[in-house]
Protein backbone atom coordinates (compact mmCIF):
# COMPACT_ATOMS: atom_id res chain seq x y z
CA UNK A 1 0.00 0.00 0.00
CA UNK A 2 1.29 3.42 -0.80
CA UNK A 3 0.09 6.85 0.17
CA UNK A 4 -0.32 9.77 -2.18
CA UNK A 5 2.76 11.42 -0.65
CA UNK A 6 5.02 8.70 -2.03
CA UNK A 7 5.66 7.14 1.39
CA UNK A 8 5.56 3.34 1.12
CA UNK A 9 3.34 2.09 3.93
CA UNK A 10 3.22 -1.64 4.68
CA UNK A 11 0.23 -2.76 6.76
CA UNK A 12 0.31 -6.11 8.53
CA UNK A 13 -1.33 -7.86 11.45
CA UNK A 14 -0.30 -6.72 14.90
CA UNK A 15 2.12 -9.20 16.54
CA UNK A 16 2.97 -9.93 20.18
CA UNK A 17 6.45 -8.49 19.65
CA UNK A 18 4.83 -5.14 18.72
CA UNK A 19 3.69 -4.58 22.31
CA UNK A 20 6.52 -2.28 23.41
CA UNK A 21 6.38 -0.30 20.16
CA UNK A 22 2.62 0.21 20.62
CA UNK A 23 3.04 1.28 24.26
CA UNK A 24 5.92 3.63 23.44
CA UNK A 25 4.12 5.25 20.50
CA UNK A 26 0.93 5.72 22.50
CA UNK A 27 2.92 7.22 25.38
CA UNK A 28 4.58 9.65 22.98
CA UNK A 29 1.15 10.70 21.68
CA UNK A 30 -0.76 10.81 24.99
CA UNK A 31 2.02 11.64 27.43
CA UNK A 32 1.39 8.56 29.59
CA UNK A 33 2.18 4.86 29.44
CA UNK A 34 -0.74 2.43 29.38
CA UNK A 35 1.15 -0.85 29.65
CA UNK A 36 -1.62 -2.97 31.19
CA UNK A 37 -4.28 -1.64 28.81
CA UNK A 38 -2.22 -2.55 25.76
CA UNK A 39 -1.09 -5.89 27.21
CA UNK A 40 -4.75 -6.89 27.57
CA UNK A 41 -5.78 -5.48 24.18
CA UNK A 42 -2.93 -7.17 22.35
CA UNK A 43 -3.61 -10.43 24.16
CA UNK A 44 -7.26 -10.25 23.02
CA UNK A 45 -6.18 -9.47 19.46
CA UNK A 46 -3.79 -12.44 19.40
CA UNK A 47 -6.49 -14.85 20.61
CA UNK A 48 -8.78 -13.90 17.73
CA UNK A 49 -8.33 -16.15 14.76
CA UNK A 50 -8.90 -15.57 11.10
CA UNK A 51 -8.91 -12.13 9.55
CA UNK A 52 -6.87 -9.53 11.42
CA UNK A 53 -8.72 -6.57 12.90
CA UNK A 54 -5.76 -5.16 14.84
CA UNK A 55 -3.03 -3.89 12.56
CA UNK A 56 0.44 -2.34 12.45
CA UNK A 57 1.96 -0.05 9.84
CA UNK A 58 5.61 0.12 8.86
CA UNK A 59 7.53 2.67 6.82
CA UNK A 60 11.03 1.67 5.69
CA UNK A 61 10.85 -1.30 8.07
CA UNK A 62 10.16 0.88 11.12
CA UNK A 63 7.02 0.89 13.26
CA UNK A 64 4.93 3.86 12.11
CA UNK A 65 1.48 3.24 13.54
CA UNK A 66 -1.15 0.80 14.74
CA UNK A 67 -4.84 0.33 15.31
CA UNK A 68 -6.73 -1.93 17.67
CA UNK A 69 -10.29 -2.96 16.91
CA UNK A 70 -12.78 -5.61 17.94
CA UNK A 71 -15.77 -7.31 16.38
CA UNK A 72 -19.03 -7.62 18.29
CA UNK A 73 -21.84 -9.89 17.28
CA UNK A 74 -25.21 -8.45 18.23
CA UNK A 75 -24.13 -6.25 21.14
CA UNK A 76 -25.08 -2.72 22.20
CA UNK A 77 -28.68 -3.39 21.13
CA UNK A 78 -27.58 -4.01 17.55
CA UNK A 79 -28.82 -7.03 15.63
CA UNK A 80 -25.94 -7.09 13.15
CA UNK A 81 -22.28 -7.67 13.84
CA UNK A 82 -20.25 -4.48 14.07
CA UNK A 83 -16.64 -3.50 14.73
CA UNK A 84 -15.28 -0.98 17.19
CA UNK A 85 -12.06 0.89 16.56
CA UNK A 86 -10.57 1.23 20.06
CA UNK A 87 -7.25 2.92 19.39
CA UNK A 88 -5.45 4.46 16.43
CA UNK A 89 -1.90 5.71 16.77
CA UNK A 90 0.39 7.20 14.13
CA UNK A 91 3.95 8.27 14.87
CA UNK A 92 4.12 12.10 14.73
CA UNK A 93 6.85 11.91 12.05
CA UNK A 94 4.44 10.09 9.74
CA UNK A 95 1.26 12.08 10.24
CA UNK A 96 -0.15 13.35 6.98
CA UNK A 97 1.82 10.75 5.02
CA UNK A 98 -0.92 8.15 4.58
CA UNK A 99 -0.18 5.85 7.51
CA UNK A 100 -3.57 6.27 9.20
CA UNK A 101 -5.31 6.10 5.84
CA UNK A 102 -3.49 2.85 4.96
CA UNK A 103 -4.37 1.29 8.33
CA UNK A 104 -8.05 2.16 7.94
CA UNK A 105 -8.13 0.99 4.32
CA UNK A 106 -6.80 -2.42 5.33
CA UNK A 107 -9.17 -2.60 8.30
CA UNK A 108 -12.14 -1.83 6.03
CA UNK A 109 -11.06 -4.60 3.65
CA UNK A 110 -10.63 -7.09 6.50
CA UNK A 111 -13.97 -6.21 8.11
CA UNK A 112 -15.85 -6.47 4.82
CA UNK A 113 -14.24 -9.89 4.39
CA UNK A 114 -15.84 -10.88 7.69
CA UNK A 115 -19.21 -9.55 6.54
CA UNK A 116 -19.01 -6.59 8.92
CA UNK A 117 -20.74 -3.51 7.53
CA UNK A 118 -20.39 -1.00 10.40
CA UNK A 119 -17.33 0.39 12.17
CA UNK A 120 -17.80 2.49 15.31
CA UNK A 121 -15.33 4.66 17.21
CA UNK A 122 -15.34 7.44 19.78
CA UNK A 123 -13.23 10.58 19.69
CA UNK A 124 -12.69 13.25 22.30
CA UNK A 125 -14.47 16.43 21.29
CA UNK A 126 -11.19 18.31 21.87
CA UNK A 127 -9.29 16.14 19.36
CA UNK A 128 -10.47 18.11 16.34
CA UNK A 129 -7.55 16.96 14.17
CA UNK A 130 -8.63 13.36 14.75
CA UNK A 131 -12.31 14.24 14.21
CA UNK A 132 -11.29 15.83 10.90
CA UNK A 133 -9.27 12.76 9.90
CA UNK A 134 -12.22 10.46 10.59
CA UNK A 135 -14.56 12.80 8.68
CA UNK A 136 -12.30 12.63 5.61
CA UNK A 137 -12.24 8.83 5.97
CA UNK A 138 -16.06 8.72 5.78
CA UNK A 139 -17.07 8.58 9.45
CA UNK A 140 -20.20 10.51 10.42
CA UNK A 141 -21.83 11.31 13.77
CA UNK A 142 -23.61 8.23 15.11
CA UNK A 143 -27.35 8.20 15.76
CA UNK A 144 -26.59 7.38 19.41
CA UNK A 145 -25.72 9.41 22.46
CA UNK A 146 -22.80 8.24 24.57
CA UNK A 147 -23.45 8.73 28.27
CA UNK A 148 -20.94 8.78 31.13
CA UNK A 149 -21.62 8.47 34.84
CA UNK A 150 -19.06 9.69 37.38
CA UNK A 151 -19.56 6.98 40.01
CA UNK A 152 -17.80 8.86 42.81
CA UNK A 153 -19.86 12.01 42.23
CA UNK A 154 -23.03 9.92 42.02
CA UNK A 155 -22.23 8.20 45.31
CA UNK A 156 -21.54 11.54 46.99
CA UNK A 157 -24.84 13.00 45.70
CA UNK A 158 -26.66 9.90 46.96
CA UNK A 159 -25.11 10.29 50.41
CA UNK A 160 -26.09 13.98 50.45
CA UNK A 161 -29.68 13.10 49.47
CA UNK A 162 -29.90 10.46 52.18
CA UNK A 163 -28.64 12.97 54.76
CA UNK A 164 -31.20 15.55 53.62
CA UNK A 165 -34.04 13.01 53.72
CA UNK A 166 -33.01 12.02 57.25
CA UNK A 167 -33.34 15.66 58.38
CA UNK A 168 -36.96 15.98 57.26
C-alpha atoms as a PDB file:
ATOM      1  CA  UNK A   1       0.000   0.000   0.000  1.00  0.00           C
ATOM      2  CA  UNK A   2       1.290   3.422  -0.802  1.00  0.00           C
ATOM      3  CA  UNK A   3       0.089   6.852   0.166  1.00  0.00           C
ATOM      4  CA  UNK A   4      -0.321   9.775  -2.176  1.00  0.00           C
ATOM      5  CA  UNK A   5       2.765  11.422  -0.650  1.00  0.00           C
ATOM      6  CA  UNK A   6       5.023   8.702  -2.025  1.00  0.00           C
ATOM      7  CA  UNK A   7       5.662   7.143   1.390  1.00  0.00           C
ATOM      8  CA  UNK A   8       5.563   3.344   1.115  1.00  0.00           C
ATOM      9  CA  UNK A   9       3.337   2.091   3.933  1.00  0.00           C
ATOM     10  CA  UNK A  10       3.217  -1.636   4.678  1.00  0.00           C
ATOM     11  CA  UNK A  11       0.227  -2.762   6.756  1.00  0.00           C
ATOM     12  CA  UNK A  12       0.311  -6.109   8.529  1.00  0.00           C
ATOM     13  CA  UNK A  13      -1.327  -7.859  11.452  1.00  0.00           C
ATOM     14  CA  UNK A  14      -0.297  -6.717  14.903  1.00  0.00           C
ATOM     15  CA  UNK A  15       2.116  -9.200  16.538  1.00  0.00           C
ATOM     16  CA  UNK A  16       2.966  -9.925  20.179  1.00  0.00           C
ATOM     17  CA  UNK A  17       6.455  -8.486  19.648  1.00  0.00           C
ATOM     18  CA  UNK A  18       4.829  -5.139  18.716  1.00  0.00           C
ATOM     19  CA  UNK A  19       3.686  -4.581  22.307  1.00  0.00           C
ATOM     20  CA  UNK A  20       6.517  -2.284  23.407  1.00  0.00           C
ATOM     21  CA  UNK A  21       6.381  -0.297  20.162  1.00  0.00           C
ATOM     22  CA  UNK A  22       2.620   0.212  20.620  1.00  0.00           C
ATOM     23  CA  UNK A  23       3.041   1.281  24.259  1.00  0.00           C
ATOM     24  CA  UNK A  24       5.923   3.633  23.443  1.00  0.00           C
ATOM     25  CA  UNK A  25       4.117   5.253  20.502  1.00  0.00           C
ATOM     26  CA  UNK A  26       0.925   5.715  22.497  1.00  0.00           C
ATOM     27  CA  UNK A  27       2.922   7.223  25.384  1.00  0.00           C
ATOM     28  CA  UNK A  28       4.582   9.645  22.978  1.00  0.00           C
ATOM     29  CA  UNK A  29       1.152  10.697  21.675  1.00  0.00           C
ATOM     30  CA  UNK A  30      -0.757  10.806  24.988  1.00  0.00           C
ATOM     31  CA  UNK A  31       2.023  11.643  27.426  1.00  0.00           C
ATOM     32  CA  UNK A  32       1.393   8.560  29.593  1.00  0.00           C
ATOM     33  CA  UNK A  33       2.177   4.857  29.444  1.00  0.00           C
ATOM     34  CA  UNK A  34      -0.735   2.425  29.378  1.00  0.00           C
ATOM     35  CA  UNK A  35       1.154  -0.851  29.647  1.00  0.00           C
ATOM     36  CA  UNK A  36      -1.615  -2.967  31.191  1.00  0.00           C
ATOM     37  CA  UNK A  37      -4.284  -1.641  28.807  1.00  0.00           C
ATOM     38  CA  UNK A  38      -2.216  -2.553  25.756  1.00  0.00           C
ATOM     39  CA  UNK A  39      -1.088  -5.891  27.209  1.00  0.00           C
ATOM     40  CA  UNK A  40      -4.752  -6.887  27.572  1.00  0.00           C
ATOM     41  CA  UNK A  41      -5.776  -5.481  24.183  1.00  0.00           C
ATOM     42  CA  UNK A  42      -2.926  -7.168  22.347  1.00  0.00           C
ATOM     43  CA  UNK A  43      -3.609 -10.429  24.159  1.00  0.00           C
ATOM     44  CA  UNK A  44      -7.257 -10.249  23.024  1.00  0.00           C
ATOM     45  CA  UNK A  45      -6.177  -9.473  19.462  1.00  0.00           C
ATOM     46  CA  UNK A  46      -3.794 -12.443  19.396  1.00  0.00           C
ATOM     47  CA  UNK A  47      -6.491 -14.850  20.607  1.00  0.00           C
ATOM     48  CA  UNK A  48      -8.784 -13.902  17.730  1.00  0.00           C
ATOM     49  CA  UNK A  49      -8.329 -16.154  14.761  1.00  0.00           C
ATOM     50  CA  UNK A  50      -8.899 -15.569  11.099  1.00  0.00           C
ATOM     51  CA  UNK A  51      -8.910 -12.132   9.551  1.00  0.00           C
ATOM     52  CA  UNK A  52      -6.868  -9.531  11.423  1.00  0.00           C
ATOM     53  CA  UNK A  53      -8.722  -6.567  12.897  1.00  0.00           C
ATOM     54  CA  UNK A  54      -5.761  -5.161  14.836  1.00  0.00           C
ATOM     55  CA  UNK A  55      -3.029  -3.892  12.560  1.00  0.00           C
ATOM     56  CA  UNK A  56       0.435  -2.344  12.445  1.00  0.00           C
ATOM     57  CA  UNK A  57       1.964  -0.047   9.841  1.00  0.00           C
ATOM     58  CA  UNK A  58       5.612   0.125   8.857  1.00  0.00           C
ATOM     59  CA  UNK A  59       7.526   2.668   6.817  1.00  0.00           C
ATOM     60  CA  UNK A  60      11.029   1.672   5.691  1.00  0.00           C
ATOM     61  CA  UNK A  61      10.848  -1.297   8.066  1.00  0.00           C
ATOM     62  CA  UNK A  62      10.164   0.882  11.118  1.00  0.00           C
ATOM     63  CA  UNK A  63       7.025   0.888  13.259  1.00  0.00           C
ATOM     64  CA  UNK A  64       4.932   3.865  12.108  1.00  0.00           C
ATOM     65  CA  UNK A  65       1.476   3.236  13.544  1.00  0.00           C
ATOM     66  CA  UNK A  66      -1.152   0.801  14.741  1.00  0.00           C
ATOM     67  CA  UNK A  67      -4.836   0.327  15.305  1.00  0.00           C
ATOM     68  CA  UNK A  68      -6.727  -1.932  17.668  1.00  0.00           C
ATOM     69  CA  UNK A  69     -10.289  -2.956  16.912  1.00  0.00           C
ATOM     70  CA  UNK A  70     -12.783  -5.606  17.944  1.00  0.00           C
ATOM     71  CA  UNK A  71     -15.769  -7.312  16.376  1.00  0.00           C
ATOM     72  CA  UNK A  72     -19.026  -7.616  18.293  1.00  0.00           C
ATOM     73  CA  UNK A  73     -21.840  -9.893  17.278  1.00  0.00           C
ATOM     74  CA  UNK A  74     -25.205  -8.448  18.235  1.00  0.00           C
ATOM     75  CA  UNK A  75     -24.128  -6.250  21.137  1.00  0.00           C
ATOM     76  CA  UNK A  76     -25.084  -2.724  22.203  1.00  0.00           C
ATOM     77  CA  UNK A  77     -28.676  -3.391  21.133  1.00  0.00           C
ATOM     78  CA  UNK A  78     -27.578  -4.012  17.549  1.00  0.00           C
ATOM     79  CA  UNK A  79     -28.824  -7.027  15.628  1.00  0.00           C
ATOM     80  CA  UNK A  80     -25.936  -7.094  13.147  1.00  0.00           C
ATOM     81  CA  UNK A  81     -22.281  -7.666  13.842  1.00  0.00           C
ATOM     82  CA  UNK A  82     -20.246  -4.479  14.065  1.00  0.00           C
ATOM     83  CA  UNK A  83     -16.645  -3.504  14.732  1.00  0.00           C
ATOM     84  CA  UNK A  84     -15.279  -0.976  17.192  1.00  0.00           C
ATOM     85  CA  UNK A  85     -12.055   0.893  16.558  1.00  0.00           C
ATOM     86  CA  UNK A  86     -10.567   1.226  20.060  1.00  0.00           C
ATOM     87  CA  UNK A  87      -7.251   2.924  19.394  1.00  0.00           C
ATOM     88  CA  UNK A  88      -5.451   4.456  16.430  1.00  0.00           C
ATOM     89  CA  UNK A  89      -1.899   5.708  16.766  1.00  0.00           C
ATOM     90  CA  UNK A  90       0.386   7.202  14.130  1.00  0.00           C
ATOM     91  CA  UNK A  91       3.945   8.274  14.866  1.00  0.00           C
ATOM     92  CA  UNK A  92       4.118  12.103  14.729  1.00  0.00           C
ATOM     93  CA  UNK A  93       6.849  11.908  12.053  1.00  0.00           C
ATOM     94  CA  UNK A  94       4.442  10.086   9.735  1.00  0.00           C
ATOM     95  CA  UNK A  95       1.258  12.085  10.241  1.00  0.00           C
ATOM     96  CA  UNK A  96      -0.149  13.352   6.982  1.00  0.00           C
ATOM     97  CA  UNK A  97       1.817  10.752   5.023  1.00  0.00           C
ATOM     98  CA  UNK A  98      -0.915   8.148   4.576  1.00  0.00           C
ATOM     99  CA  UNK A  99      -0.182   5.847   7.513  1.00  0.00           C
ATOM    100  CA  UNK A 100      -3.567   6.269   9.200  1.00  0.00           C
ATOM    101  CA  UNK A 101      -5.312   6.100   5.836  1.00  0.00           C
ATOM    102  CA  UNK A 102      -3.495   2.850   4.959  1.00  0.00           C
ATOM    103  CA  UNK A 103      -4.366   1.292   8.327  1.00  0.00           C
ATOM    104  CA  UNK A 104      -8.046   2.164   7.940  1.00  0.00           C
ATOM    105  CA  UNK A 105      -8.129   0.992   4.317  1.00  0.00           C
ATOM    106  CA  UNK A 106      -6.804  -2.420   5.331  1.00  0.00           C
ATOM    107  CA  UNK A 107      -9.171  -2.595   8.303  1.00  0.00           C
ATOM    108  CA  UNK A 108     -12.145  -1.829   6.034  1.00  0.00           C
ATOM    109  CA  UNK A 109     -11.057  -4.601   3.648  1.00  0.00           C
ATOM    110  CA  UNK A 110     -10.633  -7.093   6.501  1.00  0.00           C
ATOM    111  CA  UNK A 111     -13.968  -6.211   8.106  1.00  0.00           C
ATOM    112  CA  UNK A 112     -15.854  -6.471   4.825  1.00  0.00           C
ATOM    113  CA  UNK A 113     -14.236  -9.890   4.390  1.00  0.00           C
ATOM    114  CA  UNK A 114     -15.844 -10.880   7.687  1.00  0.00           C
ATOM    115  CA  UNK A 115     -19.207  -9.549   6.542  1.00  0.00           C
ATOM    116  CA  UNK A 116     -19.014  -6.592   8.921  1.00  0.00           C
ATOM    117  CA  UNK A 117     -20.744  -3.506   7.529  1.00  0.00           C
ATOM    118  CA  UNK A 118     -20.390  -1.003  10.398  1.00  0.00           C
ATOM    119  CA  UNK A 119     -17.330   0.391  12.172  1.00  0.00           C
ATOM    120  CA  UNK A 120     -17.802   2.489  15.313  1.00  0.00           C
ATOM    121  CA  UNK A 121     -15.332   4.655  17.208  1.00  0.00           C
ATOM    122  CA  UNK A 122     -15.345   7.445  19.777  1.00  0.00           C
ATOM    123  CA  UNK A 123     -13.233  10.577  19.692  1.00  0.00           C
ATOM    124  CA  UNK A 124     -12.687  13.249  22.298  1.00  0.00           C
ATOM    125  CA  UNK A 125     -14.467  16.431  21.292  1.00  0.00           C
ATOM    126  CA  UNK A 126     -11.192  18.311  21.869  1.00  0.00           C
ATOM    127  CA  UNK A 127      -9.293  16.145  19.364  1.00  0.00           C
ATOM    128  CA  UNK A 128     -10.466  18.114  16.338  1.00  0.00           C
ATOM    129  CA  UNK A 129      -7.553  16.956  14.172  1.00  0.00           C
ATOM    130  CA  UNK A 130      -8.634  13.358  14.752  1.00  0.00           C
ATOM    131  CA  UNK A 131     -12.312  14.241  14.213  1.00  0.00           C
ATOM    132  CA  UNK A 132     -11.287  15.825  10.904  1.00  0.00           C
ATOM    133  CA  UNK A 133      -9.272  12.761   9.899  1.00  0.00           C
ATOM    134  CA  UNK A 134     -12.218  10.464  10.586  1.00  0.00           C
ATOM    135  CA  UNK A 135     -14.557  12.802   8.684  1.00  0.00           C
ATOM    136  CA  UNK A 136     -12.296  12.629   5.610  1.00  0.00           C
ATOM    137  CA  UNK A 137     -12.244   8.832   5.975  1.00  0.00           C
ATOM    138  CA  UNK A 138     -16.056   8.717   5.784  1.00  0.00           C
ATOM    139  CA  UNK A 139     -17.072   8.576   9.448  1.00  0.00           C
ATOM    140  CA  UNK A 140     -20.196  10.515  10.423  1.00  0.00           C
ATOM    141  CA  UNK A 141     -21.826  11.309  13.771  1.00  0.00           C
ATOM    142  CA  UNK A 142     -23.606   8.234  15.113  1.00  0.00           C
ATOM    143  CA  UNK A 143     -27.349   8.197  15.763  1.00  0.00           C
ATOM    144  CA  UNK A 144     -26.586   7.378  19.413  1.00  0.00           C
ATOM    145  CA  UNK A 145     -25.716   9.406  22.458  1.00  0.00           C
ATOM    146  CA  UNK A 146     -22.805   8.244  24.572  1.00  0.00           C
ATOM    147  CA  UNK A 147     -23.447   8.728  28.265  1.00  0.00           C
ATOM    148  CA  UNK A 148     -20.945   8.781  31.133  1.00  0.00           C
ATOM    149  CA  UNK A 149     -21.620   8.466  34.842  1.00  0.00           C
ATOM    150  CA  UNK A 150     -19.059   9.695  37.384  1.00  0.00           C
ATOM    151  CA  UNK A 151     -19.559   6.979  40.006  1.00  0.00           C
ATOM    152  CA  UNK A 152     -17.801   8.864  42.805  1.00  0.00           C
ATOM    153  CA  UNK A 153     -19.855  12.014  42.232  1.00  0.00           C
ATOM    154  CA  UNK A 154     -23.035   9.925  42.019  1.00  0.00           C
ATOM    155  CA  UNK A 155     -22.231   8.198  45.305  1.00  0.00           C
ATOM    156  CA  UNK A 156     -21.542  11.543  46.989  1.00  0.00           C
ATOM    157  CA  UNK A 157     -24.836  13.001  45.696  1.00  0.00           C
ATOM    158  CA  UNK A 158     -26.660   9.897  46.958  1.00  0.00           C
ATOM    159  CA  UNK A 159     -25.112  10.290  50.412  1.00  0.00           C
ATOM    160  CA  UNK A 160     -26.085  13.977  50.449  1.00  0.00           C
ATOM    161  CA  UNK A 161     -29.676  13.104  49.467  1.00  0.00           C
ATOM    162  CA  UNK A 162     -29.902  10.461  52.181  1.00  0.00           C
ATOM    163  CA  UNK A 163     -28.636  12.971  54.762  1.00  0.00           C
ATOM    164  CA  UNK A 164     -31.201  15.553  53.618  1.00  0.00           C
ATOM    165  CA  UNK A 165     -34.038  13.007  53.723  1.00  0.00           C
ATOM    166  CA  UNK A 166     -33.013  12.019  57.252  1.00  0.00           C
ATOM    167  CA  UNK A 167     -33.339  15.659  58.378  1.00  0.00           C
ATOM    168  CA  UNK A 168     -36.962  15.975  57.257  1.00  0.00           C
END
